[in-house]
Amino acid sequence: MSFKDQGRCGEFKEKSELVSLGECNNDITPHLRRCHLSKERISECELILLRAGYFDTTPQQIKDMFVCPKHRGYLGLYWKNQTRKTPCQYPEHKGKRKGATTDRSFTVKMAKEVNIVYGIMVPIGSRE
């Protein structure tokens, strides 16, 4: 499988088996700190779901969901903030179209609000 196409599932770091989302429990504290989200109290499972746009999942739904190694990495610990090259992600912010240079990031609360108000999914950790 091609790693250039993040839309396709596949092998990642020599792993290819699907994993139950409930089993995604790596320590993500350093990752959250790098993304300026150290105040968030979320698990790896929740991080993956939130970045995929699943804001309100039940424990039963999580139990029934699986993730491939590639998407687990890209939505979890190996996610890269692409906003360094793109403008602020907040829909109403206007102005010069340059890369976001702030250290403020979209929190869980902000991402949910933008999704409700504007119908746009912004991954948590994206820069404002």
C-alpha atoms as a PDB file:
ATOM      1  CA  MET A   1       0.000   0.000   0.000  1.00  0.00           C
ATOM      2  CA  SER A   2       1.098   3.550  -0.636  1.00  0.00           C
ATOM      3  CA  PHE A   3       1.894   5.754   2.341  1.00  0.00           C
ATOM      4  CA  LYS A   4       1.465   8.887   0.235  1.00  0.00           C
ATOM      5  CA  ASP A   5      -2.286   8.363   0.116  1.00  0.00           C
ATOM      6  CA  GLN A   6      -3.419   8.747   3.706  1.00  0.00           C
ATOM      7  CA  GLY A   7      -6.949   7.850   2.624  1.00  0.00           C
ATOM      8  CA  ARG A   8      -6.039   4.210   2.066  1.00  0.00           C
ATOM      9  CA  CYS A   9      -5.702   1.763   4.901  1.00  0.00           C
ATOM     10  CA  GLY A  10      -2.635  -0.318   5.286  1.00  0.00           C
ATOM     11  CA  GLU A  11       0.544  -1.296   6.999  1.00  0.00           C
ATOM     12  CA  PHE A  12       2.333   1.176   9.227  1.00  0.00           C
ATOM     13  CA  LYS A  13       5.615   0.624  11.067  1.00  0.00           C
ATOM     14  CA  GLU A  14       5.555  -3.048  10.093  1.00  0.00           C
ATOM     15  CA  LYS A  15       2.097  -3.616  11.576  1.00  0.00           C
ATOM     16  CA  SER A  16      -0.876  -4.579   9.467  1.00  0.00           C
ATOM     17  CA  GLU A  17      -3.548  -5.981  11.806  1.00  0.00           C
ATOM     18  CA  LEU A  18      -6.663  -4.016  12.685  1.00  0.00           C
ATOM     19  CA  VAL A  19      -6.856  -2.981  16.330  1.00  0.00           C
ATOM     20  CA  SER A  20      -9.963  -2.454  18.431  1.00  0.00           C
ATOM     21  CA  LEU A  21     -10.246   1.243  19.258  1.00  0.00           C
ATOM     22  CA  GLY A  22     -10.744   0.260  22.882  1.00  0.00           C
ATOM     23  CA  GLU A  23      -7.223  -1.184  22.838  1.00  0.00           C
ATOM     24  CA  CYS A  24      -5.659   2.093  21.678  1.00  0.00           C
ATOM     25  CA  ASN A  25      -4.230   3.193  24.995  1.00  0.00           C
ATOM     26  CA  ASN A  26      -0.661   4.356  24.367  1.00  0.00           C
ATOM     27  CA  ASP A  27       0.613   7.231  26.504  1.00  0.00           C
ATOM     28  CA  ILE A  28      -0.069  10.336  24.417  1.00  0.00           C
ATOM     29  CA  THR A  29       1.007  12.921  27.013  1.00  0.00           C
ATOM     30  CA  PRO A  30       4.179  14.013  25.127  1.00  0.00           C
ATOM     31  CA  HIS A  31       2.215  14.203  21.862  1.00  0.00           C
ATOM     32  CA  LEU A  32      -0.475  16.383  23.447  1.00  0.00           C
ATOM     33  CA  ARG A  33       2.230  18.644  24.860  1.00  0.00           C
ATOM     34  CA  ARG A  34       3.816  19.058  21.373  1.00  0.00           C
ATOM     35  CA  CYS A  35       0.401  19.950  19.962  1.00  0.00           C
ATOM     36  CA  HIS A  36      -0.202  22.517  22.742  1.00  0.00           C
ATOM     37  CA  LEU A  37      -2.991  20.374  24.187  1.00  0.00           C
ATOM     38  CA  SER A  38      -1.426  19.500  27.540  1.00  0.00           C
ATOM     39  CA  LYS A  39      -4.584  20.599  29.399  1.00  0.00           C
ATOM     40  CA  GLU A  40      -6.728  18.063  27.554  1.00  0.00           C
ATOM     41  CA  ARG A  41      -7.416  14.816  29.402  1.00  0.00           C
ATOM     42  CA  ILE A  42      -8.043  12.355  26.602  1.00  0.00           C
ATOM     43  CA  SER A  43      -6.896   8.856  25.735  1.00  0.00           C
ATOM     44  CA  GLU A  44      -5.297   7.696  22.495  1.00  0.00           C
ATOM     45  CA  CYS A  45      -8.652   6.178  21.512  1.00  0.00           C
ATOM     46  CA  GLU A  46     -10.448   9.491  22.086  1.00  0.00           C
ATOM     47  CA  LEU A  47      -7.748  11.401  20.196  1.00  0.00           C
ATOM     48  CA  ILE A  48      -8.179   9.181  17.132  1.00  0.00           C
ATOM     49  CA  LEU A  49     -11.964   9.510  17.251  1.00  0.00           C
ATOM     50  CA  LEU A  50     -11.873  13.294  17.709  1.00  0.00           C
ATOM     51  CA  ARG A  51      -9.452  13.818  14.828  1.00  0.00           C
ATOM     52  CA  ALA A  52     -11.691  11.657  12.642  1.00  0.00           C
ATOM     53  CA  GLY A  53     -14.707  13.813  13.541  1.00  0.00           C
ATOM     54  CA  TYR A  54     -16.435  11.435  15.959  1.00  0.00           C
ATOM     55  CA  PHE A  55     -17.313  13.730  18.858  1.00  0.00           C
ATOM     56  CA  ASP A  56     -20.071  11.771  20.565  1.00  0.00           C
ATOM     57  CA  THR A  57     -19.440   8.046  20.548  1.00  0.00           C
ATOM     58  CA  THR A  58     -20.844   5.631  23.064  1.00  0.00           C
ATOM     59  CA  PRO A  59     -18.783   2.948  24.797  1.00  0.00           C
ATOM     60  CA  GLN A  60     -20.677   0.326  22.763  1.00  0.00           C
ATOM     61  CA  GLN A  61     -19.808   2.068  19.493  1.00  0.00           C
ATOM     62  CA  ILE A  62     -16.146   2.248  20.504  1.00  0.00           C
ATOM     63  CA  LYS A  63     -16.218  -1.453  21.371  1.00  0.00           C
ATOM     64  CA  ASP A  64     -17.450  -2.215  17.841  1.00  0.00           C
ATOM     65  CA  MET A  65     -14.906   0.009  16.040  1.00  0.00           C
ATOM     66  CA  PHE A  66     -11.498  -0.956  14.692  1.00  0.00           C
ATOM     67  CA  VAL A  67      -8.652   1.062  13.222  1.00  0.00           C
ATOM     68  CA  CYS A  68      -5.886   0.064  10.839  1.00  0.00           C
ATOM     69  CA  PRO A  69      -2.279   0.749  11.930  1.00  0.00           C
ATOM     70  CA  LYS A  70      -1.882   3.474   9.330  1.00  0.00           C
ATOM     71  CA  HIS A  71      -4.868   5.513  10.479  1.00  0.00           C
ATOM     72  CA  ARG A  72      -4.029   4.867  14.113  1.00  0.00           C
ATOM     73  CA  GLY A  73      -0.649   6.471  13.494  1.00  0.00           C
ATOM     74  CA  TYR A  74      -1.825   9.336  11.287  1.00  0.00           C
ATOM     75  CA  LEU A  75      -4.715  10.304  13.582  1.00  0.00           C
ATOM     76  CA  GLY A  76      -2.818   9.582  16.786  1.00  0.00           C
ATOM     77  CA  LEU A  77       0.808   9.806  17.797  1.00  0.00           C
ATOM     78  CA  TYR A  78       2.228  10.425  14.308  1.00  0.00           C
ATOM     79  CA  TRP A  79      -0.265  13.103  13.292  1.00  0.00           C
ATOM     80  CA  LYS A  80       1.438  16.205  11.981  1.00  0.00           C
ATOM     81  CA  ASN A  81       0.000  19.646  12.259  1.00  0.00           C
ATOM     82  CA  GLN A  82      -0.375  20.647   8.629  1.00  0.00           C
ATOM     83  CA  THR A  83      -1.364  24.207   9.553  1.00  0.00           C
ATOM     84  CA  ARG A  84       2.254  25.323   9.632  1.00  0.00           C
ATOM     85  CA  LYS A  85       1.865  25.772   5.886  1.00  0.00           C
ATOM     86  CA  THR A  86      -1.794  26.761   5.833  1.00  0.00           C
ATOM     87  CA  PRO A  87      -3.681  29.715   7.277  1.00  0.00           C
ATOM     88  CA  CYS A  88      -5.566  29.783  10.531  1.00  0.00           C
ATOM     89  CA  GLN A  89      -8.186  27.035  10.593  1.00  0.00           C
ATOM     90  CA  TYR A  90     -10.976  29.060  12.220  1.00  0.00           C
ATOM     91  CA  PRO A  91     -13.628  29.708   9.534  1.00  0.00           C
ATOM     92  CA  GLU A  92     -14.279  33.377  10.394  1.00  0.00           C
ATOM     93  CA  HIS A  93     -10.666  34.515  10.675  1.00  0.00           C
ATOM     94  CA  LYS A  94      -9.734  36.653   7.732  1.00  0.00           C
ATOM     95  CA  GLY A  95      -6.614  38.477   6.749  1.00  0.00           C
ATOM     96  CA  LYS A  96      -3.283  37.659   5.219  1.00  0.00           C
ATOM     97  CA  ARG A  97      -3.192  34.056   4.011  1.00  0.00           C
ATOM     98  CA  LYS A  98       0.020  32.864   5.598  1.00  0.00           C
ATOM     99  CA  GLY A  99       0.874  29.887   7.753  1.00  0.00           C
ATOM    100  CA  ALA A 100      -0.367  29.904  11.337  1.00  0.00           C
ATOM    101  CA  THR A 101       2.463  30.875  13.657  1.00  0.00           C
ATOM    102  CA  THR A 102       0.631  30.834  16.960  1.00  0.00           C
ATOM    103  CA  ASP A 103       1.115  28.260  19.675  1.00  0.00           C
ATOM    104  CA  ARG A 104      -2.637  28.148  20.300  1.00  0.00           C
ATOM    105  CA  SER A 105      -4.309  25.006  19.069  1.00  0.00           C
ATOM    106  CA  PHE A 106      -7.848  23.834  18.529  1.00  0.00           C
ATOM    107  CA  THR A 107      -9.003  22.219  21.738  1.00  0.00           C
ATOM    108  CA  VAL A 108     -11.680  19.544  21.933  1.00  0.00           C
ATOM    109  CA  LYS A 109     -14.243  22.188  22.905  1.00  0.00           C
ATOM    110  CA  MET A 110     -13.306  24.498  20.019  1.00  0.00           C
ATOM    111  CA  ALA A 111     -13.337  21.686  17.447  1.00  0.00           C
ATOM    112  CA  LYS A 112     -16.815  20.618  18.604  1.00  0.00           C
ATOM    113  CA  GLU A 113     -18.115  24.197  18.437  1.00  0.00           C
ATOM    114  CA  VAL A 114     -16.736  24.801  14.933  1.00  0.00           C
ATOM    115  CA  ASN A 115     -18.285  21.520  13.808  1.00  0.00           C
ATOM    116  CA  ILE A 116     -21.692  22.461  15.234  1.00  0.00           C
ATOM    117  CA  VAL A 117     -21.722  26.092  14.072  1.00  0.00           C
ATOM    118  CA  TYR A 118     -19.996  25.803  10.681  1.00  0.00           C
ATOM    119  CA  GLY A 119     -20.290  22.116   9.827  1.00  0.00           C
ATOM    120  CA  ILE A 120     -16.514  21.947   9.373  1.00  0.00           C
ATOM    121  CA  MET A 121     -14.302  19.323  10.979  1.00  0.00           C
ATOM    122  CA  VAL A 122     -11.031  20.739  12.280  1.00  0.00           C
ATOM    123  CA  PRO A 123      -8.676  18.192  13.886  1.00  0.00           C
ATOM    124  CA  ILE A 124      -7.808  18.964  17.487  1.00  0.00           C
ATOM    125  CA  GLY A 125      -4.254  20.221  17.715  1.00  0.00           C
ATOM    126  CA  SER A 126      -4.566  22.250  14.499  1.00  0.00           C
ATOM    127  CA  ARG A 127      -3.347  25.772  14.989  1.00  0.00           C
ATOM    128  CA  GLU A 128      -5.719  28.683  15.222  1.00  0.00           C
END
